[in-house]
Amino acid sequence: MSRDHVISFISTSPHNGKSISDVAISPRSTYVLTYSQEDNFFVGWLLDTKSEPFDLRKDTESSKFDGISDFKVSDKKIILYNYTGLVKFHDLKNNKDLEIKNECFDYSHTNFLENGNIVTFKSNINTTINPTVLIYELTNKNEFARKGFYVFNEKNVEFGGFRSDSMWMMSYDLIFLLDLATFKLQ
């Protein structure tokens, strides 16, 4: 057996010796966020993938968060997390919660785009409203404002998942990839 590469681990204790429960990586892979269910803290890490081996430096630590079941992070250090079934937002740079007023999100259908905007897919087959994609951007007032609202001309559109700045969808047993920058099918 040959060894082309040796992988070395550097021992650190980002959560004061507590185990890391989950990890999220930002869309551009510049920021890593760890969470420990034992200490209920998020720890943010700056990631430099251009260095060999890549460099991971501790950046910030959040205030305490209980009841986190899943989370995502943007390159701008915004956390989108699932808190007892509700979608919540937190700015790690300022250690403040953020809100999108009068909106309700399905966590599994919401994610960050590479530019830091938030995208969410809404659909309810029991109504006459066609599926929609909504885009929100962070304003200078540290609030999210709706930037775009797009309605599909077909009711039979199902969410498939996000990949970078694209969204997988299914309609009539066909799979589509929607570019969320141009809103054109790929």
C-alpha atoms as a PDB file:
ATOM      1  CA  MET A   1       0.000   0.000   0.000  1.00  0.00           C
ATOM      2  CA  SER A   2       1.471   3.338  -1.015  1.00  0.00           C
ATOM      3  CA  ARG A   3       0.980   6.619   0.787  1.00  0.00           C
ATOM      4  CA  ASP A   4       0.606   9.590  -1.503  1.00  0.00           C
ATOM      5  CA  HIS A   5      -0.638  11.921   1.199  1.00  0.00           C
ATOM      6  CA  VAL A   6      -0.435  11.988   4.962  1.00  0.00           C
ATOM      7  CA  ILE A   7      -3.430  13.496   6.712  1.00  0.00           C
ATOM      8  CA  SER A   8      -2.520  15.209   9.970  1.00  0.00           C
ATOM      9  CA  PHE A   9      -5.122  16.202  12.534  1.00  0.00           C
ATOM     10  CA  ILE A  10      -4.598  19.210  14.771  1.00  0.00           C
ATOM     11  CA  SER A  11      -6.234  18.723  18.148  1.00  0.00           C
ATOM     12  CA  THR A  12      -8.361  21.672  19.273  1.00  0.00           C
ATOM     13  CA  SER A  13     -11.285  22.037  21.679  1.00  0.00           C
ATOM     14  CA  PRO A  14     -13.644  24.528  20.037  1.00  0.00           C
ATOM     15  CA  HIS A  15     -16.488  23.755  22.432  1.00  0.00           C
ATOM     16  CA  ASN A  16     -14.469  23.590  25.675  1.00  0.00           C
ATOM     17  CA  GLY A  17     -13.951  19.860  25.278  1.00  0.00           C
ATOM     18  CA  LYS A  18     -17.604  19.139  24.447  1.00  0.00           C
ATOM     19  CA  SER A  19     -18.377  17.104  21.336  1.00  0.00           C
ATOM     20  CA  ILE A  20     -19.369  18.732  18.043  1.00  0.00           C
ATOM     21  CA  SER A  21     -22.905  17.651  17.111  1.00  0.00           C
ATOM     22  CA  ASP A  22     -23.159  19.151  13.629  1.00  0.00           C
ATOM     23  CA  VAL A  23     -21.244  21.168  11.025  1.00  0.00           C
ATOM     24  CA  ALA A  24     -22.445  23.523   8.265  1.00  0.00           C
ATOM     25  CA  ILE A  25     -20.367  24.998   5.436  1.00  0.00           C
ATOM     26  CA  SER A  26     -21.267  28.264   3.703  1.00  0.00           C
ATOM     27  CA  PRO A  27     -22.221  28.277  -0.016  1.00  0.00           C
ATOM     28  CA  ARG A  28     -18.766  29.478  -1.146  1.00  0.00           C
ATOM     29  CA  SER A  29     -16.966  27.266   1.395  1.00  0.00           C
ATOM     30  CA  THR A  30     -15.369  30.255   3.142  1.00  0.00           C
ATOM     31  CA  TYR A  31     -17.062  29.811   6.516  1.00  0.00           C
ATOM     32  CA  VAL A  32     -17.639  26.756   8.697  1.00  0.00           C
ATOM     33  CA  LEU A  33     -20.017  26.638  11.643  1.00  0.00           C
ATOM     34  CA  THR A  34     -19.979  23.983  14.357  1.00  0.00           C
ATOM     35  CA  TYR A  35     -22.625  23.372  17.018  1.00  0.00           C
ATOM     36  CA  SER A  36     -22.486  21.317  20.191  1.00  0.00           C
ATOM     37  CA  GLN A  37     -25.685  20.052  21.798  1.00  0.00           C
ATOM     38  CA  GLU A  38     -23.685  19.623  25.002  1.00  0.00           C
ATOM     39  CA  ASP A  39     -22.771  23.313  25.428  1.00  0.00           C
ATOM     40  CA  ASN A  40     -25.465  24.775  23.069  1.00  0.00           C
ATOM     41  CA  PHE A  41     -23.026  27.166  21.380  1.00  0.00           C
ATOM     42  CA  PHE A  42     -22.180  27.848  17.751  1.00  0.00           C
ATOM     43  CA  VAL A  43     -18.509  28.365  16.867  1.00  0.00           C
ATOM     44  CA  GLY A  44     -17.630  30.034  13.563  1.00  0.00           C
ATOM     45  CA  TRP A  45     -14.460  29.262  11.618  1.00  0.00           C
ATOM     46  CA  LEU A  46     -12.785  31.093   8.739  1.00  0.00           C
ATOM     47  CA  LEU A  47     -11.818  28.589   6.064  1.00  0.00           C
ATOM     48  CA  ASP A  48      -8.995  29.104   3.577  1.00  0.00           C
ATOM     49  CA  THR A  49      -9.070  26.231   1.092  1.00  0.00           C
ATOM     50  CA  LYS A  50      -6.270  27.744  -1.020  1.00  0.00           C
ATOM     51  CA  SER A  51      -3.571  26.933   1.548  1.00  0.00           C
ATOM     52  CA  GLU A  52      -2.039  23.436   1.741  1.00  0.00           C
ATOM     53  CA  PRO A  53      -3.201  21.992   4.058  1.00  0.00           C
ATOM     54  CA  PHE A  54      -6.265  24.220   4.288  1.00  0.00           C
ATOM     55  CA  ASP A  55      -6.370  26.697   7.145  1.00  0.00           C
ATOM     56  CA  LEU A  56      -9.219  26.753   9.671  1.00  0.00           C
ATOM     57  CA  ARG A  57      -9.134  29.627  12.194  1.00  0.00           C
ATOM     58  CA  LYS A  58     -11.632  30.211  14.998  1.00  0.00           C
ATOM     59  CA  ASP A  59     -13.556  33.393  14.247  1.00  0.00           C
ATOM     60  CA  THR A  60     -16.481  33.854  16.598  1.00  0.00           C
ATOM     61  CA  GLU A  61     -18.598  32.190  19.244  1.00  0.00           C
ATOM     62  CA  SER A  62     -22.325  32.755  19.639  1.00  0.00           C
ATOM     63  CA  SER A  63     -24.467  33.243  22.671  1.00  0.00           C
ATOM     64  CA  LYS A  64     -26.227  30.131  23.962  1.00  0.00           C
ATOM     65  CA  PHE A  65     -28.875  28.457  21.748  1.00  0.00           C
ATOM     66  CA  ASP A  66     -31.085  25.675  23.105  1.00  0.00           C
ATOM     67  CA  GLY A  67     -33.225  23.350  20.994  1.00  0.00           C
ATOM     68  CA  ILE A  68     -31.342  23.554  17.685  1.00  0.00           C
ATOM     69  CA  SER A  69     -32.177  20.612  15.429  1.00  0.00           C
ATOM     70  CA  ASP A  70     -30.476  21.756  12.198  1.00  0.00           C
ATOM     71  CA  PHE A  71     -28.783  24.866  10.770  1.00  0.00           C
ATOM     72  CA  LYS A  72     -27.216  26.478   7.700  1.00  0.00           C
ATOM     73  CA  VAL A  73     -24.711  29.338   7.430  1.00  0.00           C
ATOM     74  CA  SER A  74     -23.956  32.032   4.848  1.00  0.00           C
ATOM     75  CA  ASP A  75     -20.574  33.422   3.838  1.00  0.00           C
ATOM     76  CA  LYS A  76     -21.715  36.643   5.582  1.00  0.00           C
ATOM     77  CA  LYS A  77     -21.913  34.753   8.908  1.00  0.00           C
ATOM     78  CA  ILE A  78     -25.710  34.630   9.108  1.00  0.00           C
ATOM     79  CA  ILE A  79     -27.199  31.477  10.651  1.00  0.00           C
ATOM     80  CA  LEU A  80     -30.511  30.069   9.446  1.00  0.00           C
ATOM     81  CA  TYR A  81     -31.622  27.483  11.984  1.00  0.00           C
ATOM     82  CA  ASN A  82     -34.514  25.202  12.825  1.00  0.00           C
ATOM     83  CA  TYR A  83     -35.733  25.956  16.325  1.00  0.00           C
ATOM     84  CA  THR A  84     -38.582  23.675  17.435  1.00  0.00           C
ATOM     85  CA  GLY A  85     -40.047  23.711  13.923  1.00  0.00           C
ATOM     86  CA  LEU A  86     -39.623  27.456  13.333  1.00  0.00           C
ATOM     87  CA  VAL A  87     -37.098  29.078  10.990  1.00  0.00           C
ATOM     88  CA  LYS A  88     -34.925  31.618  12.817  1.00  0.00           C
ATOM     89  CA  PHE A  89     -32.052  33.865  11.706  1.00  0.00           C
ATOM     90  CA  HIS A  90     -29.042  35.080  13.692  1.00  0.00           C
ATOM     91  CA  ASP A  91     -26.186  37.424  12.715  1.00  0.00           C
ATOM     92  CA  LEU A  92     -22.944  36.067  14.182  1.00  0.00           C
ATOM     93  CA  LYS A  93     -21.022  39.298  13.479  1.00  0.00           C
ATOM     94  CA  ASN A  94     -23.330  41.355  15.719  1.00  0.00           C
ATOM     95  CA  ASN A  95     -24.652  38.456  17.828  1.00  0.00           C
ATOM     96  CA  LYS A  96     -28.244  39.577  17.100  1.00  0.00           C
ATOM     97  CA  ASP A  97     -31.359  37.814  15.899  1.00  0.00           C
ATOM     98  CA  LEU A  98     -32.735  38.891  12.517  1.00  0.00           C
ATOM     99  CA  GLU A  99     -36.341  38.826  11.372  1.00  0.00           C
ATOM    100  CA  ILE A 100     -38.298  38.713   8.174  1.00  0.00           C
ATOM    101  CA  LYS A 101     -41.610  40.274   9.115  1.00  0.00           C
ATOM    102  CA  ASN A 102     -44.917  38.653   8.170  1.00  0.00           C
ATOM    103  CA  GLU A 103     -43.275  35.639   6.547  1.00  0.00           C
ATOM    104  CA  CYS A 104     -43.375  31.958   7.378  1.00  0.00           C
ATOM    105  CA  PHE A 105     -40.721  29.561   6.066  1.00  0.00           C
ATOM    106  CA  ASP A 106     -40.406  25.831   5.617  1.00  0.00           C
ATOM    107  CA  TYR A 107     -36.864  25.125   6.828  1.00  0.00           C
ATOM    108  CA  SER A 108     -36.258  22.282   4.367  1.00  0.00           C
ATOM    109  CA  HIS A 109     -37.230  24.566   1.452  1.00  0.00           C
ATOM    110  CA  THR A 110     -35.077  27.561   2.512  1.00  0.00           C
ATOM    111  CA  ASN A 111     -31.355  28.181   1.974  1.00  0.00           C
ATOM    112  CA  PHE A 112     -28.666  30.794   1.339  1.00  0.00           C
ATOM    113  CA  LEU A 113     -27.489  31.772  -2.126  1.00  0.00           C
ATOM    114  CA  GLU A 114     -23.803  32.461  -2.810  1.00  0.00           C
ATOM    115  CA  ASN A 115     -24.402  36.242  -2.653  1.00  0.00           C
ATOM    116  CA  GLY A 116     -25.865  35.945   0.880  1.00  0.00           C
ATOM    117  CA  ASN A 117     -29.499  36.305  -0.147  1.00  0.00           C
ATOM    118  CA  ILE A 118     -32.081  33.857   1.154  1.00  0.00           C
ATOM    119  CA  VAL A 119     -34.220  31.758  -1.183  1.00  0.00           C
ATOM    120  CA  THR A 120     -37.368  29.898  -0.201  1.00  0.00           C
ATOM    121  CA  PHE A 121     -39.783  27.729  -2.170  1.00  0.00           C
ATOM    122  CA  LYS A 122     -43.473  27.774  -1.218  1.00  0.00           C
ATOM    123  CA  SER A 123     -46.101  25.385  -2.469  1.00  0.00           C
ATOM    124  CA  ASN A 124     -49.441  24.125  -1.249  1.00  0.00           C
ATOM    125  CA  ILE A 125     -51.318  21.755  -3.526  1.00  0.00           C
ATOM    126  CA  ASN A 126     -54.509  22.287  -1.509  1.00  0.00           C
ATOM    127  CA  THR A 127     -54.883  25.911  -2.637  1.00  0.00           C
ATOM    128  CA  THR A 128     -55.378  27.680  -5.936  1.00  0.00           C
ATOM    129  CA  ILE A 129     -52.059  29.520  -5.532  1.00  0.00           C
ATOM    130  CA  ASN A 130     -49.262  28.311  -7.801  1.00  0.00           C
ATOM    131  CA  PRO A 131     -45.832  27.493  -6.310  1.00  0.00           C
ATOM    132  CA  THR A 132     -43.527  30.466  -5.744  1.00  0.00           C
ATOM    133  CA  VAL A 133     -39.863  31.244  -5.183  1.00  0.00           C
ATOM    134  CA  LEU A 134     -39.065  34.212  -2.945  1.00  0.00           C
ATOM    135  CA  ILE A 135     -35.669  35.913  -2.634  1.00  0.00           C
ATOM    136  CA  TYR A 136     -34.695  38.103   0.335  1.00  0.00           C
ATOM    137  CA  GLU A 137     -31.621  40.285   0.773  1.00  0.00           C
ATOM    138  CA  LEU A 138     -30.032  41.732   3.891  1.00  0.00           C
ATOM    139  CA  THR A 139     -30.466  45.520   4.048  1.00  0.00           C
ATOM    140  CA  ASN A 140     -28.183  48.129   5.635  1.00  0.00           C
ATOM    141  CA  LYS A 141     -30.579  48.110   8.614  1.00  0.00           C
ATOM    142  CA  ASN A 142     -29.659  44.460   9.241  1.00  0.00           C
ATOM    143  CA  GLU A 143     -33.123  43.268   8.204  1.00  0.00           C
ATOM    144  CA  PHE A 144     -34.167  40.988   5.380  1.00  0.00           C
ATOM    145  CA  ALA A 145     -36.301  42.598   2.664  1.00  0.00           C
ATOM    146  CA  ARG A 146     -38.042  40.809  -0.179  1.00  0.00           C
ATOM    147  CA  LYS A 147     -36.061  41.273  -3.390  1.00  0.00           C
ATOM    148  CA  GLY A 148     -37.953  38.990  -5.761  1.00  0.00           C
ATOM    149  CA  PHE A 149     -41.180  37.032  -6.045  1.00  0.00           C
ATOM    150  CA  TYR A 150     -41.533  34.465  -8.822  1.00  0.00           C
ATOM    151  CA  VAL A 151     -44.648  32.412  -9.585  1.00  0.00           C
ATOM    152  CA  PHE A 152     -44.611  29.190 -11.607  1.00  0.00           C
ATOM    153  CA  ASN A 153     -47.203  28.867 -14.368  1.00  0.00           C
ATOM    154  CA  GLU A 154     -47.778  25.227 -13.376  1.00  0.00           C
ATOM    155  CA  LYS A 155     -49.325  24.046 -10.126  1.00  0.00           C
ATOM    156  CA  ASN A 156     -47.655  20.640 -10.326  1.00  0.00           C
ATOM    157  CA  VAL A 157     -44.136  21.750  -9.276  1.00  0.00           C
ATOM    158  CA  GLU A 158     -42.380  19.973  -6.418  1.00  0.00           C
ATOM    159  CA  PHE A 159     -39.249  21.054  -4.575  1.00  0.00           C
ATOM    160  CA  GLY A 160     -36.217  18.807  -5.060  1.00  0.00           C
ATOM    161  CA  GLY A 161     -33.383  20.628  -3.273  1.00  0.00           C
ATOM    162  CA  PHE A 162     -30.784  23.398  -3.574  1.00  0.00           C
ATOM    163  CA  ARG A 163     -27.345  23.226  -5.181  1.00  0.00           C
ATOM    164  CA  SER A 164     -25.248  26.418  -5.106  1.00  0.00           C
ATOM    165  CA  ASP A 165     -27.409  29.059  -6.800  1.00  0.00           C
ATOM    166  CA  SER A 166     -29.761  26.522  -8.394  1.00  0.00           C
ATOM    167  CA  MET A 167     -32.895  24.687  -7.335  1.00  0.00           C
ATOM    168  CA  TRP A 168     -33.891  21.158  -8.353  1.00  0.00           C
ATOM    169  CA  MET A 169     -37.585  20.776  -9.160  1.00  0.00           C
ATOM    170  CA  MET A 170     -39.904  18.087 -10.434  1.00  0.00           C
ATOM    171  CA  SER A 171     -42.970  18.565 -12.610  1.00  0.00           C
ATOM    172  CA  TYR A 172     -44.965  15.867 -14.391  1.00  0.00           C
ATOM    173  CA  ASP A 173     -42.266  13.241 -13.706  1.00  0.00           C
ATOM    174  CA  LEU A 174     -39.536  15.439 -15.236  1.00  0.00           C
ATOM    175  CA  ILE A 175     -36.594  16.872 -13.303  1.00  0.00           C
ATOM    176  CA  PHE A 176     -35.520  20.485 -13.837  1.00  0.00           C
ATOM    177  CA  LEU A 177     -32.677  22.642 -12.551  1.00  0.00           C
ATOM    178  CA  LEU A 178     -33.623  26.305 -12.149  1.00  0.00           C
ATOM    179  CA  ASP A 179     -30.819  28.903 -12.149  1.00  0.00           C
ATOM    180  CA  LEU A 180     -31.803  31.247  -9.300  1.00  0.00           C
ATOM    181  CA  ALA A 181     -29.725  34.139 -10.678  1.00  0.00           C
ATOM    182  CA  THR A 182     -31.401  34.215 -14.104  1.00  0.00           C
ATOM    183  CA  PHE A 183     -34.575  32.208 -13.368  1.00  0.00           C
ATOM    184  CA  LYS A 184     -33.996  30.120 -16.462  1.00  0.00           C
ATOM    185  CA  LEU A 185     -34.112  26.355 -16.646  1.00  0.00           C
ATOM    186  CA  GLN A 186     -30.729  24.715 -17.148  1.00  0.00           C
END
